[in-house]
C-alpha atoms as a PDB file:
ATOM      1  CA  UNK A   1      -0.300   0.036   0.057  1.00  0.00           C
ATOM      2  CA  UNK A   2       1.629   3.448  -0.845  1.00  0.00           C
ATOM      3  CA  UNK A   3       1.471   6.297   1.509  1.00  0.00           C
ATOM      4  CA  UNK A   4       2.888   9.517   1.980  1.00  0.00           C
ATOM      5  CA  UNK A   5       3.536  11.479   5.549  1.00  0.00           C
ATOM      6  CA  UNK A   6       3.236  15.199   5.505  1.00  0.00           C
ATOM      7  CA  UNK A   7       5.314  16.641   8.657  1.00  0.00           C
ATOM      8  CA  UNK A   8       3.689  19.263  10.273  1.00  0.00           C
ATOM      9  CA  UNK A   9       5.459  22.702   9.137  1.00  0.00           C
ATOM     10  CA  UNK A  10       7.811  20.913   7.077  1.00  0.00           C
ATOM     11  CA  UNK A  11       9.912  22.836   4.266  1.00  0.00           C
ATOM     12  CA  UNK A  12      13.015  22.311   2.553  1.00  0.00           C
ATOM     13  CA  UNK A  13      16.040  24.121   4.333  1.00  0.00           C
ATOM     14  CA  UNK A  14      18.173  23.686   0.766  1.00  0.00           C
ATOM     15  CA  UNK A  15      17.209  25.192  -2.550  1.00  0.00           C
ATOM     16  CA  UNK A  16      16.694  22.680  -5.268  1.00  0.00           C
ATOM     17  CA  UNK A  17      20.314  23.142  -6.473  1.00  0.00           C
ATOM     18  CA  UNK A  18      22.101  23.432  -3.208  1.00  0.00           C
ATOM     19  CA  UNK A  19      20.107  19.988  -2.481  1.00  0.00           C
ATOM     20  CA  UNK A  20      22.053  18.299  -5.720  1.00  0.00           C
ATOM     21  CA  UNK A  21      25.315  19.835  -4.174  1.00  0.00           C
ATOM     22  CA  UNK A  22      24.769  18.511  -0.863  1.00  0.00           C
ATOM     23  CA  UNK A  23      24.074  14.695  -2.524  1.00  0.00           C
ATOM     24  CA  UNK A  24      26.805  15.027  -4.507  1.00  0.00           C
ATOM     25  CA  UNK A  25      29.361  15.826  -1.424  1.00  0.00           C
ATOM     26  CA  UNK A  26      27.580  13.951   1.033  1.00  0.00           C
ATOM     27  CA  UNK A  27      28.423  10.553  -1.204  1.00  0.00           C
ATOM     28  CA  UNK A  28      32.178  11.741  -2.132  1.00  0.00           C
ATOM     29  CA  UNK A  29      32.830  12.562   1.396  1.00  0.00           C
ATOM     30  CA  UNK A  30      31.330   9.190   2.691  1.00  0.00           C
ATOM     31  CA  UNK A  31      32.315   7.230   0.305  1.00  0.00           C
ATOM     32  CA  UNK A  32      36.398   8.172   1.041  1.00  0.00           C
ATOM     33  CA  UNK A  33      35.528   7.884   4.881  1.00  0.00           C
ATOM     34  CA  UNK A  34      34.173   4.543   4.726  1.00  0.00           C
ATOM     35  CA  UNK A  35      37.147   3.448   2.439  1.00  0.00           C
ATOM     36  CA  UNK A  36      39.649   4.747   4.676  1.00  0.00           C
ATOM     37  CA  UNK A  37      37.436   3.419   7.834  1.00  0.00           C
ATOM     38  CA  UNK A  38      37.410  -0.345   6.610  1.00  0.00           C
ATOM     39  CA  UNK A  39      40.083  -0.499   4.329  1.00  0.00           C
ATOM     40  CA  UNK A  40      37.968  -0.990   1.205  1.00  0.00           C
ATOM     41  CA  UNK A  41      38.764  -0.506  -2.682  1.00  0.00           C
ATOM     42  CA  UNK A  42      36.483   0.524  -5.155  1.00  0.00           C
ATOM     43  CA  UNK A  43      35.200  -2.229  -7.874  1.00  0.00           C
ATOM     44  CA  UNK A  44      32.787  -2.388 -10.476  1.00  0.00           C
ATOM     45  CA  UNK A  45      28.838  -3.962  -9.757  1.00  0.00           C
ATOM     46  CA  UNK A  46      26.777  -5.420 -12.099  1.00  0.00           C
ATOM     47  CA  UNK A  47      23.344  -4.171 -13.017  1.00  0.00           C
ATOM     48  CA  UNK A  48      21.978  -7.826 -13.225  1.00  0.00           C
ATOM     49  CA  UNK A  49      22.942 -11.431 -13.282  1.00  0.00           C
ATOM     50  CA  UNK A  50      22.311 -14.669 -14.458  1.00  0.00           C
ATOM     51  CA  UNK A  51      19.688 -16.171 -12.678  1.00  0.00           C
ATOM     52  CA  UNK A  52      21.319 -19.794 -12.834  1.00  0.00           C
ATOM     53  CA  UNK A  53      24.157 -18.564 -10.394  1.00  0.00           C
ATOM     54  CA  UNK A  54      22.292 -18.102  -7.543  1.00  0.00           C
ATOM     55  CA  UNK A  55      23.984 -14.702  -6.653  1.00  0.00           C
ATOM     56  CA  UNK A  56      21.178 -12.654  -6.531  1.00  0.00           C
ATOM     57  CA  UNK A  57      19.555 -12.141  -3.163  1.00  0.00           C
ATOM     58  CA  UNK A  58      16.102 -13.145  -2.118  1.00  0.00           C
ATOM     59  CA  UNK A  59      15.531 -10.319   0.332  1.00  0.00           C
ATOM     60  CA  UNK A  60      12.701 -11.617   2.403  1.00  0.00           C
ATOM     61  CA  UNK A  61      12.088 -14.617  -0.145  1.00  0.00           C
ATOM     62  CA  UNK A  62       8.746 -12.810  -1.470  1.00  0.00           C
ATOM     63  CA  UNK A  63       9.865 -10.112  -3.682  1.00  0.00           C
ATOM     64  CA  UNK A  64       9.834 -10.574  -7.308  1.00  0.00           C
ATOM     65  CA  UNK A  65      12.590  -9.908  -9.273  1.00  0.00           C
ATOM     66  CA  UNK A  66      12.733  -8.075 -12.455  1.00  0.00           C
ATOM     67  CA  UNK A  67      13.440 -11.064 -15.324  1.00  0.00           C
ATOM     68  CA  UNK A  68      14.631 -10.442 -18.755  1.00  0.00           C
ATOM     69  CA  UNK A  69      15.728 -13.231 -21.438  1.00  0.00           C
ATOM     70  CA  UNK A  70      19.361 -12.800 -23.388  1.00  0.00           C
ATOM     71  CA  UNK A  71      18.758 -12.929 -27.117  1.00  0.00           C
ATOM     72  CA  UNK A  72      22.778 -13.292 -27.287  1.00  0.00           C
ATOM     73  CA  UNK A  73      23.173 -16.351 -24.938  1.00  0.00           C
ATOM     74  CA  UNK A  74      19.707 -17.411 -24.429  1.00  0.00           C
ATOM     75  CA  UNK A  75      19.679 -17.551 -20.942  1.00  0.00           C
ATOM     76  CA  UNK A  76      17.571 -15.545 -18.191  1.00  0.00           C
ATOM     77  CA  UNK A  77      18.765 -12.628 -16.356  1.00  0.00           C
ATOM     78  CA  UNK A  78      17.809 -10.614 -13.250  1.00  0.00           C
ATOM     79  CA  UNK A  79      18.136  -7.091 -11.948  1.00  0.00           C
ATOM     80  CA  UNK A  80      19.980  -7.059  -8.989  1.00  0.00           C
ATOM     81  CA  UNK A  81      17.936  -6.517  -5.648  1.00  0.00           C
ATOM     82  CA  UNK A  82      21.098  -6.412  -3.783  1.00  0.00           C
ATOM     83  CA  UNK A  83      24.738  -7.597  -4.305  1.00  0.00           C
ATOM     84  CA  UNK A  84      25.346  -9.449  -0.787  1.00  0.00           C
ATOM     85  CA  UNK A  85      26.496 -12.880  -2.524  1.00  0.00           C
ATOM     86  CA  UNK A  86      27.969 -11.528  -5.977  1.00  0.00           C
ATOM     87  CA  UNK A  87      30.124  -9.001  -3.356  1.00  0.00           C
ATOM     88  CA  UNK A  88      31.841 -12.350  -1.476  1.00  0.00           C
ATOM     89  CA  UNK A  89      32.334 -14.291  -4.784  1.00  0.00           C
ATOM     90  CA  UNK A  90      34.046 -11.087  -6.105  1.00  0.00           C
ATOM     91  CA  UNK A  91      36.350 -11.125  -3.047  1.00  0.00           C
ATOM     92  CA  UNK A  92      37.585 -14.371  -4.047  1.00  0.00           C
ATOM     93  CA  UNK A  93      37.936 -13.282  -7.972  1.00  0.00           C
ATOM     94  CA  UNK A  94      39.964 -10.331  -6.725  1.00  0.00           C
ATOM     95  CA  UNK A  95      42.122 -12.499  -4.377  1.00  0.00           C
ATOM     96  CA  UNK A  96      41.230  -9.974  -1.263  1.00  0.00           C
ATOM     97  CA  UNK A  97      43.093 -10.556   1.945  1.00  0.00           C
ATOM     98  CA  UNK A  98      42.074 -10.787   5.415  1.00  0.00           C
ATOM     99  CA  UNK A  99      41.605  -7.163   6.490  1.00  0.00           C
ATOM    100  CA  UNK A 100      41.210  -5.585   3.275  1.00  0.00           C
ATOM    101  CA  UNK A 101      37.936  -5.654   1.346  1.00  0.00           C
ATOM    102  CA  UNK A 102      35.711  -3.899  -1.426  1.00  0.00           C
ATOM    103  CA  UNK A 103      32.853  -1.563  -1.822  1.00  0.00           C
ATOM    104  CA  UNK A 104      30.829  -0.727  -4.772  1.00  0.00           C
ATOM    105  CA  UNK A 105      27.872   1.720  -6.167  1.00  0.00           C
ATOM    106  CA  UNK A 106      24.764  -0.486  -6.106  1.00  0.00           C
ATOM    107  CA  UNK A 107      21.900   0.157  -8.179  1.00  0.00           C
ATOM    108  CA  UNK A 108      18.592  -2.267  -7.712  1.00  0.00           C
ATOM    109  CA  UNK A 109      15.013  -2.236  -8.668  1.00  0.00           C
ATOM    110  CA  UNK A 110      12.721  -3.415  -6.395  1.00  0.00           C
ATOM    111  CA  UNK A 111       9.322  -3.757  -8.130  1.00  0.00           C
ATOM    112  CA  UNK A 112       7.120  -4.739  -5.135  1.00  0.00           C
ATOM    113  CA  UNK A 113       8.281  -1.974  -2.904  1.00  0.00           C
ATOM    114  CA  UNK A 114       5.452  -0.218  -1.245  1.00  0.00           C
ATOM    115  CA  UNK A 115       6.024   3.814  -2.053  1.00  0.00           C
ATOM    116  CA  UNK A 116       6.177   6.057   1.247  1.00  0.00           C
ATOM    117  CA  UNK A 117       8.619   8.668   2.816  1.00  0.00           C
ATOM    118  CA  UNK A 118      11.011   6.185   3.154  1.00  0.00           C
ATOM    119  CA  UNK A 119      11.174   3.840  -0.002  1.00  0.00           C
ATOM    120  CA  UNK A 120      10.655   3.953  -3.818  1.00  0.00           C
ATOM    121  CA  UNK A 121      11.242   1.007  -6.598  1.00  0.00           C
ATOM    122  CA  UNK A 122      14.906   2.236  -6.719  1.00  0.00           C
ATOM    123  CA  UNK A 123      17.374   1.327  -4.301  1.00  0.00           C
ATOM    124  CA  UNK A 124      20.989   3.008  -4.459  1.00  0.00           C
ATOM    125  CA  UNK A 125      23.470   2.237  -1.937  1.00  0.00           C
ATOM    126  CA  UNK A 126      27.087   1.613  -1.111  1.00  0.00           C
ATOM    127  CA  UNK A 127      27.520  -2.044  -1.135  1.00  0.00           C
ATOM    128  CA  UNK A 128      30.639  -2.971   0.603  1.00  0.00           C
ATOM    129  CA  UNK A 129      32.205  -6.603   1.552  1.00  0.00           C
ATOM    130  CA  UNK A 130      35.449  -7.844   3.541  1.00  0.00           C
ATOM    131  CA  UNK A 131      37.556 -10.910   4.178  1.00  0.00           C
ATOM    132  CA  UNK A 132      37.909 -11.581   7.910  1.00  0.00           C
ATOM    133  CA  UNK A 133      39.647 -14.751   9.642  1.00  0.00           C
ATOM    134  CA  UNK A 134      37.453 -17.472  11.659  1.00  0.00           C
ATOM    135  CA  UNK A 135      38.739 -15.636  14.902  1.00  0.00           C
ATOM    136  CA  UNK A 136      36.668 -12.187  13.720  1.00  0.00           C
ATOM    137  CA  UNK A 137      33.447 -14.047  13.878  1.00  0.00           C
ATOM    138  CA  UNK A 138      32.468 -12.534  16.811  1.00  0.00           C
ATOM    139  CA  UNK A 139      30.049  -9.983  18.267  1.00  0.00           C
ATOM    140  CA  UNK A 140      32.738  -7.758  19.341  1.00  0.00           C
ATOM    141  CA  UNK A 141      34.247  -7.755  15.958  1.00  0.00           C
ATOM    142  CA  UNK A 142      30.640  -6.748  14.661  1.00  0.00           C
ATOM    143  CA  UNK A 143      30.178  -4.173  16.883  1.00  0.00           C
ATOM    144  CA  UNK A 144      33.374  -2.601  16.297  1.00  0.00           C
ATOM    145  CA  UNK A 145      32.849  -2.134  12.781  1.00  0.00           C
ATOM    146  CA  UNK A 146      29.257  -0.457  13.256  1.00  0.00           C
ATOM    147  CA  UNK A 147      31.250   1.932  15.611  1.00  0.00           C
ATOM    148  CA  UNK A 148      33.635   2.790  12.655  1.00  0.00           C
ATOM    149  CA  UNK A 149      30.814   3.228  10.137  1.00  0.00           C
ATOM    150  CA  UNK A 150      28.560   5.388  12.791  1.00  0.00           C
ATOM    151  CA  UNK A 151      31.546   7.624  12.765  1.00  0.00           C
ATOM    152  CA  UNK A 152      31.721   8.047   9.046  1.00  0.00           C
ATOM    153  CA  UNK A 153      28.349   9.365   9.090  1.00  0.00           C
ATOM    154  CA  UNK A 154      29.023  11.792  11.944  1.00  0.00           C
ATOM    155  CA  UNK A 155      32.201  12.809  10.387  1.00  0.00           C
ATOM    156  CA  UNK A 156      30.420  13.376   6.643  1.00  0.00           C
ATOM    157  CA  UNK A 157      27.659  15.257   8.946  1.00  0.00           C
ATOM    158  CA  UNK A 158      30.354  17.666  10.502  1.00  0.00           C
ATOM    159  CA  UNK A 159      31.835  18.679   6.721  1.00  0.00           C
ATOM    160  CA  UNK A 160      28.369  19.298   5.023  1.00  0.00           C
ATOM    161  CA  UNK A 161      26.989  21.286   7.748  1.00  0.00           C
ATOM    162  CA  UNK A 162      30.041  23.218   7.310  1.00  0.00           C
ATOM    163  CA  UNK A 163      29.442  23.517   3.604  1.00  0.00           C
ATOM    164  CA  UNK A 164      25.427  24.387   3.962  1.00  0.00           C
ATOM    165  CA  UNK A 165      24.860  26.034   7.382  1.00  0.00           C
ATOM    166  CA  UNK A 166      21.088  26.313   7.000  1.00  0.00           C
ATOM    167  CA  UNK A 167      21.447  22.594   8.105  1.00  0.00           C
ATOM    168  CA  UNK A 168      22.299  23.375  11.505  1.00  0.00           C
ATOM    169  CA  UNK A 169      18.642  23.994  12.430  1.00  0.00           C
ATOM    170  CA  UNK A 170      18.515  19.923  12.965  1.00  0.00           C
ATOM    171  CA  UNK A 171      19.433  17.846  15.406  1.00  0.00           C
ATOM    172  CA  UNK A 172      22.955  16.379  14.920  1.00  0.00           C
ATOM    173  CA  UNK A 173      23.235  12.437  14.779  1.00  0.00           C
ATOM    174  CA  UNK A 174      24.063  11.027  18.052  1.00  0.00           C
ATOM    175  CA  UNK A 175      27.678   9.325  17.700  1.00  0.00           C
ATOM    176  CA  UNK A 176      26.556   6.969  20.941  1.00  0.00           C
ATOM    177  CA  UNK A 177      25.540   3.747  19.729  1.00  0.00           C
ATOM    178  CA  UNK A 178      22.867   1.367  22.071  1.00  0.00           C
ATOM    179  CA  UNK A 179      23.571  -2.591  20.767  1.00  0.00           C
ATOM    180  CA  UNK A 180      20.551  -4.435  21.775  1.00  0.00           C
ATOM    181  CA  UNK A 181      19.401  -8.071  20.112  1.00  0.00           C
ATOM    182  CA  UNK A 182      15.946  -8.396  18.649  1.00  0.00           C
ATOM    183  CA  UNK A 183      14.941 -10.703  21.649  1.00  0.00           C
ATOM    184  CA  UNK A 184      15.812  -8.102  24.214  1.00  0.00           C
ATOM    185  CA  UNK A 185      13.710  -5.606  22.097  1.00  0.00           C
ATOM    186  CA  UNK A 186      10.565  -8.074  22.011  1.00  0.00           C
ATOM    187  CA  UNK A 187      11.206  -8.966  26.099  1.00  0.00           C
ATOM    188  CA  UNK A 188      11.114  -4.831  26.289  1.00  0.00           C
ATOM    189  CA  UNK A 189       7.801  -4.234  24.329  1.00  0.00           C
ATOM    190  CA  UNK A 190       6.082  -8.308  24.093  1.00  0.00           C
ATOM    191  CA  UNK A 191       2.834  -6.159  23.042  1.00  0.00           C
ATOM    192  CA  UNK A 192       4.303  -4.279  20.539  1.00  0.00           C
ATOM    193  CA  UNK A 193       4.703  -5.337  16.678  1.00  0.00           C
ATOM    194  CA  UNK A 194       8.384  -5.241  15.611  1.00  0.00           C
ATOM    195  CA  UNK A 195       8.226  -1.691  13.530  1.00  0.00           C
ATOM    196  CA  UNK A 196       6.739  -0.349  16.668  1.00  0.00           C
ATOM    197  CA  UNK A 197       9.291  -1.822  18.889  1.00  0.00           C
ATOM    198  CA  UNK A 198      11.944   0.177  17.010  1.00  0.00           C
ATOM    199  CA  UNK A 199      10.121   3.543  16.992  1.00  0.00           C
ATOM    200  CA  UNK A 200       9.806   2.979  21.001  1.00  0.00           C
ATOM    201  CA  UNK A 201      13.348   1.733  21.491  1.00  0.00           C
ATOM    202  CA  UNK A 202      14.886   4.406  19.139  1.00  0.00           C
ATOM    203  CA  UNK A 203      13.129   7.300  20.152  1.00  0.00           C
ATOM    204  CA  UNK A 204      15.310   7.193  23.386  1.00  0.00           C
ATOM    205  CA  UNK A 205      18.632   5.768  21.683  1.00  0.00           C
ATOM    206  CA  UNK A 206      18.476   8.036  19.109  1.00  0.00           C
ATOM    207  CA  UNK A 207      21.606   5.698  17.485  1.00  0.00           C
ATOM    208  CA  UNK A 208      20.843   1.977  17.676  1.00  0.00           C
ATOM    209  CA  UNK A 209      22.096  -1.170  16.151  1.00  0.00           C
ATOM    210  CA  UNK A 210      19.592  -4.177  16.567  1.00  0.00           C
ATOM    211  CA  UNK A 211      21.167  -7.230  16.577  1.00  0.00           C
ATOM    212  CA  UNK A 212      20.385 -10.880  15.513  1.00  0.00           C
ATOM    213  CA  UNK A 213      17.983 -10.599  12.760  1.00  0.00           C
ATOM    214  CA  UNK A 214      16.412 -13.751  10.656  1.00  0.00           C
ATOM    215  CA  UNK A 215      15.777 -16.148  13.287  1.00  0.00           C
ATOM    216  CA  UNK A 216      12.585 -16.920  15.177  1.00  0.00           C
ATOM    217  CA  UNK A 217      11.799 -15.087  18.571  1.00  0.00           C
ATOM    218  CA  UNK A 218      10.688 -16.733  22.218  1.00  0.00           C
ATOM    219  CA  UNK A 219       7.238 -15.563  20.642  1.00  0.00           C
ATOM    220  CA  UNK A 220       7.539 -17.885  17.546  1.00  0.00           C
ATOM    221  CA  UNK A 221       8.165 -15.026  15.463  1.00  0.00           C
ATOM    222  CA  UNK A 222      10.443 -12.839  13.152  1.00  0.00           C
ATOM    223  CA  UNK A 223      11.446  -9.786  13.896  1.00  0.00           C
ATOM    224  CA  UNK A 224      12.092  -9.300  10.131  1.00  0.00           C
ATOM    225  CA  UNK A 225      13.165 -11.625   7.433  1.00  0.00           C
ATOM    226  CA  UNK A 226      16.215 -12.394   6.254  1.00  0.00           C
ATOM    227  CA  UNK A 227      17.539 -14.395   3.214  1.00  0.00           C
ATOM    228  CA  UNK A 228      19.626 -17.789   4.892  1.00  0.00           C
ATOM    229  CA  UNK A 229      22.549 -17.690   2.588  1.00  0.00           C
ATOM    230  CA  UNK A 230      24.290 -14.277   3.526  1.00  0.00           C
ATOM    231  CA  UNK A 231      24.359 -12.811   6.645  1.00  0.00           C
ATOM    232  CA  UNK A 232      24.406 -15.101   9.968  1.00  0.00           C
ATOM    233  CA  UNK A 233      21.475 -14.512  11.713  1.00  0.00           C
ATOM    234  CA  UNK A 234      23.150 -14.643  15.278  1.00  0.00           C
ATOM    235  CA  UNK A 235      25.733 -12.173  13.539  1.00  0.00           C
ATOM    236  CA  UNK A 236      24.076  -9.259  11.818  1.00  0.00           C
ATOM    237  CA  UNK A 237      22.097  -6.169  12.194  1.00  0.00           C
ATOM    238  CA  UNK A 238      20.322  -3.003  11.542  1.00  0.00           C
ATOM    239  CA  UNK A 239      21.824   0.416  11.705  1.00  0.00           C
ATOM    240  CA  UNK A 240      18.866   2.487  12.939  1.00  0.00           C
ATOM    241  CA  UNK A 241      19.077   6.419  13.693  1.00  0.00           C
ATOM    242  CA  UNK A 242      16.099   8.809  14.902  1.00  0.00           C
ATOM    243  CA  UNK A 243      14.440  10.802  12.004  1.00  0.00           C
ATOM    244  CA  UNK A 244      13.538  14.034  13.743  1.00  0.00           C
ATOM    245  CA  UNK A 245      11.775  14.995  10.549  1.00  0.00           C
ATOM    246  CA  UNK A 246       9.550  12.410  10.707  1.00  0.00           C
ATOM    247  CA  UNK A 247       9.422  10.872  14.241  1.00  0.00           C
ATOM    248  CA  UNK A 248      10.298   7.659  13.785  1.00  0.00           C
ATOM    249  CA  UNK A 249      13.563   4.777  13.361  1.00  0.00           C
ATOM    250  CA  UNK A 250      15.101   5.151  10.409  1.00  0.00           C
ATOM    251  CA  UNK A 251      17.062   2.426   8.894  1.00  0.00           C
ATOM    252  CA  UNK A 252      20.298   3.359   7.234  1.00  0.00           C
ATOM    253  CA  UNK A 253      22.121  -0.048   7.149  1.00  0.00           C
ATOM    254  CA  UNK A 254      21.749  -3.848   7.362  1.00  0.00           C
ATOM    255  CA  UNK A 255      24.680  -5.514   7.376  1.00  0.00           C
ATOM    256  CA  UNK A 256      26.494  -8.373   9.061  1.00  0.00           C
ATOM    257  CA  UNK A 257      29.283 -11.260   9.266  1.00  0.00           C
ATOM    258  CA  UNK A 258      28.276 -13.396   6.652  1.00  0.00           C
ATOM    259  CA  UNK A 259      27.484 -17.409   6.577  1.00  0.00           C
ATOM    260  CA  UNK A 260      29.900 -20.123   7.160  1.00  0.00           C
ATOM    261  CA  UNK A 261      29.249 -23.373   6.384  1.00  0.00           C
ATOM    262  CA  UNK A 262      27.904 -24.398   9.274  1.00  0.00           C
ATOM    263  CA  UNK A 263      25.327 -21.512   9.541  1.00  0.00           C
ATOM    264  CA  UNK A 264      24.339 -21.788   5.844  1.00  0.00           C
ATOM    265  CA  UNK A 265      23.800 -25.224   6.596  1.00  0.00           C
ATOM    266  CA  UNK A 266      21.732 -24.410   9.511  1.00  0.00           C
ATOM    267  CA  UNK A 267      19.564 -21.869   8.223  1.00  0.00           C
ATOM    268  CA  UNK A 268      18.634 -23.344   4.624  1.00  0.00           C
ATOM    269  CA  UNK A 269      17.068 -25.994   6.548  1.00  0.00           C
ATOM    270  CA  UNK A 270      15.689 -23.465   8.909  1.00  0.00           C
ATOM    271  CA  UNK A 271      14.232 -21.477   5.968  1.00  0.00           C
ATOM    272  CA  UNK A 272      13.068 -24.513   3.878  1.00  0.00           C
ATOM    273  CA  UNK A 273      15.405 -23.961   1.307  1.00  0.00           C
ATOM    274  CA  UNK A 274      17.472 -26.765   0.717  1.00  0.00           C
ATOM    275  CA  UNK A 275      17.000 -27.043  -2.722  1.00  0.00           C
ATOM    276  CA  UNK A 276      19.620 -23.893  -2.989  1.00  0.00           C
ATOM    277  CA  UNK A 277      22.315 -26.517  -1.847  1.00  0.00           C
ATOM    278  CA  UNK A 278      23.124 -27.039  -5.713  1.00  0.00           C
ATOM    279  CA  UNK A 279      23.979 -23.660  -6.536  1.00  0.00           C
ATOM    280  CA  UNK A 280      27.614 -22.741  -6.980  1.00  0.00           C
ATOM    281  CA  UNK A 281      27.475 -19.630  -4.688  1.00  0.00           C
ATOM    282  CA  UNK A 282      25.987 -22.210  -1.915  1.00  0.00           C
ATOM    283  CA  UNK A 283      28.399 -24.571  -3.105  1.00  0.00           C
ATOM    284  CA  UNK A 284      31.394 -22.446  -2.581  1.00  0.00           C
ATOM    285  CA  UNK A 285      30.188 -21.488   0.995  1.00  0.00           C
ATOM    286  CA  UNK A 286      29.314 -25.394   2.118  1.00  0.00           C
ATOM    287  CA  UNK A 287      32.578 -26.381   0.874  1.00  0.00           C
ATOM    288  CA  UNK A 288      34.790 -23.386   2.504  1.00  0.00           C
ATOM    289  CA  UNK A 289      36.205 -22.355  -0.627  1.00  0.00           C
ATOM    290  CA  UNK A 290      35.051 -18.666  -0.325  1.00  0.00           C
ATOM    291  CA  UNK A 291      36.532 -16.376   2.276  1.00  0.00           C
ATOM    292  CA  UNK A 292      34.801 -15.547   5.580  1.00  0.00           C
ATOM    293  CA  UNK A 293      33.327 -12.276   5.160  1.00  0.00           C
ATOM    294  CA  UNK A 294      31.287  -9.106   6.835  1.00  0.00           C
ATOM    295  CA  UNK A 295      29.423  -6.991   4.741  1.00  0.00           C
ATOM    296  CA  UNK A 296      26.711  -4.457   4.112  1.00  0.00           C
ATOM    297  CA  UNK A 297      24.758  -2.383   2.214  1.00  0.00           C
ATOM    298  CA  UNK A 298      24.261   1.700   3.065  1.00  0.00           C
ATOM    299  CA  UNK A 299      21.460   3.317   1.735  1.00  0.00           C
ATOM    300  CA  UNK A 300      23.062   6.651  -0.394  1.00  0.00           C
ATOM    301  CA  UNK A 301      19.643   8.213  -0.467  1.00  0.00           C
ATOM    302  CA  UNK A 302      18.973   7.219   2.945  1.00  0.00           C
ATOM    303  CA  UNK A 303      22.066   9.222   4.254  1.00  0.00           C
ATOM    304  CA  UNK A 304      21.329  12.236   2.272  1.00  0.00           C
ATOM    305  CA  UNK A 305      17.956  12.445   3.587  1.00  0.00           C
ATOM    306  CA  UNK A 306      19.315  11.731   7.169  1.00  0.00           C
ATOM    307  CA  UNK A 307      21.766  14.411   6.960  1.00  0.00           C
ATOM    308  CA  UNK A 308      20.094  17.024   5.151  1.00  0.00           C
ATOM    309  CA  UNK A 309      16.605  16.636   7.178  1.00  0.00           C
ATOM    310  CA  UNK A 310      14.447  15.760   3.990  1.00  0.00           C
ATOM    311  CA  UNK A 311      10.830  14.491   4.475  1.00  0.00           C
ATOM    312  CA  UNK A 312      10.797  12.394   1.574  1.00  0.00           C
ATOM    313  CA  UNK A 313      13.191  10.518  -0.427  1.00  0.00           C
ATOM    314  CA  UNK A 314      12.444  11.779  -3.594  1.00  0.00           C
ATOM    315  CA  UNK A 315      13.917  14.927  -2.767  1.00  0.00           C
ATOM    316  CA  UNK A 316      17.226  13.115  -3.276  1.00  0.00           C
ATOM    317  CA  UNK A 317      16.357  10.693  -5.691  1.00  0.00           C
ATOM    318  CA  UNK A 318      14.673  10.317  -9.383  1.00  0.00           C
ATOM    319  CA  UNK A 319      12.407   7.640  -9.566  1.00  0.00           C
ATOM    320  CA  UNK A 320       8.909   6.720 -10.403  1.00  0.00           C
ATOM    321  CA  UNK A 321       5.831   7.773  -8.285  1.00  0.00           C
ATOM    322  CA  UNK A 322       2.023   7.379  -8.146  1.00  0.00           C
ATOM    323  CA  UNK A 323      -0.002  10.073  -8.685  1.00  0.00           C
ATOM    324  CA  UNK A 324      -1.746  10.168  -5.179  1.00  0.00           C
ATOM    325  CA  UNK A 325       1.994  10.824  -4.178  1.00  0.00           C
ATOM    326  CA  UNK A 326       2.766  13.408  -6.418  1.00  0.00           C
ATOM    327  CA  UNK A 327      -0.407  15.461  -5.462  1.00  0.00           C
ATOM    328  CA  UNK A 328       0.371  15.365  -1.865  1.00  0.00           C
ATOM    329  CA  UNK A 329       4.034  16.205  -2.038  1.00  0.00           C
ATOM    330  CA  UNK A 330       3.393  19.308  -4.296  1.00  0.00           C
ATOM    331  CA  UNK A 331       0.488  20.681  -2.156  1.00  0.00           C
ATOM    332  CA  UNK A 332       2.650  20.026   0.725  1.00  0.00           C
ATOM    333  CA  UNK A 333       5.295  22.239  -1.173  1.00  0.00           C
ATOM    334  CA  UNK A 334       7.830  19.220  -1.401  1.00  0.00           C
ATOM    335  CA  UNK A 335       9.885  18.966  -4.339  1.00  0.00           C
ATOM    336  CA  UNK A 336      10.434  15.839  -6.048  1.00  0.00           C
ATOM    337  CA  UNK A 337      13.235  14.904  -8.476  1.00  0.00           C
END
């Protein structure tokens, strides 16, 4: 279901061209900062993949992929939904060593996405992946990585605010991170839905990393869905900020330590996806041929929205909107690109 929320009294603080300048600078500064903090190198990414490789992501397992046949090869291709599995294969192909990794600009189409202030059918994010050792497959290593990413967000915000002083009217991103598991969150708010729990907690803890997403909680439900073949559900999480413009929890990044052979074996069975074991990527993980890794995606338009205090993602990216969204934004003075 499509929806749009207009915050009371909202008006963009930057002009249309200033917004374009701020988008460009935000993306450039954050990418350079992320590379330095995590020891990453840029590589080129695919827009689509052959379906038979099993490298495209299934996300929550219900989204329809955009598919087409290729005349020259006689094969089916799919526009990527994310690059979680492709990146791990790329680490092997490029012979990255432990402690080093890659990042890329990922562009995806998610045709079944409901449209609202935060979601469009177009996804742009920095996808990153880094080789680790078995000793790094710990909560401590995951949390240290999260702290580095939040440091990059705060550093980028500081520079952008210096360049565009009008942005100083918005609250500053909180650098102090609160770590909590989905089970701990359910225990705190057993009568709320998962999204309501996030809003209740993140309002009090404006920068939160919510851990262990994918498996069932004590209530028998999942906090949220995760594909069983990239994140280890015990070593992953979402980076959430409090969005002061929209007054809600705001996901900037989904990330995690990736499955090793044991975790993939367990999660494929739990998710009822044992048929995937025969695919090349899954064989590579189960046999130990692919490197152990940590990785995630960081929304580019999401970061621009957060740092510029935008009310709608259409203010910072160009895509297709329904007539009702366009009408509501036009009446409210929200300029969609």
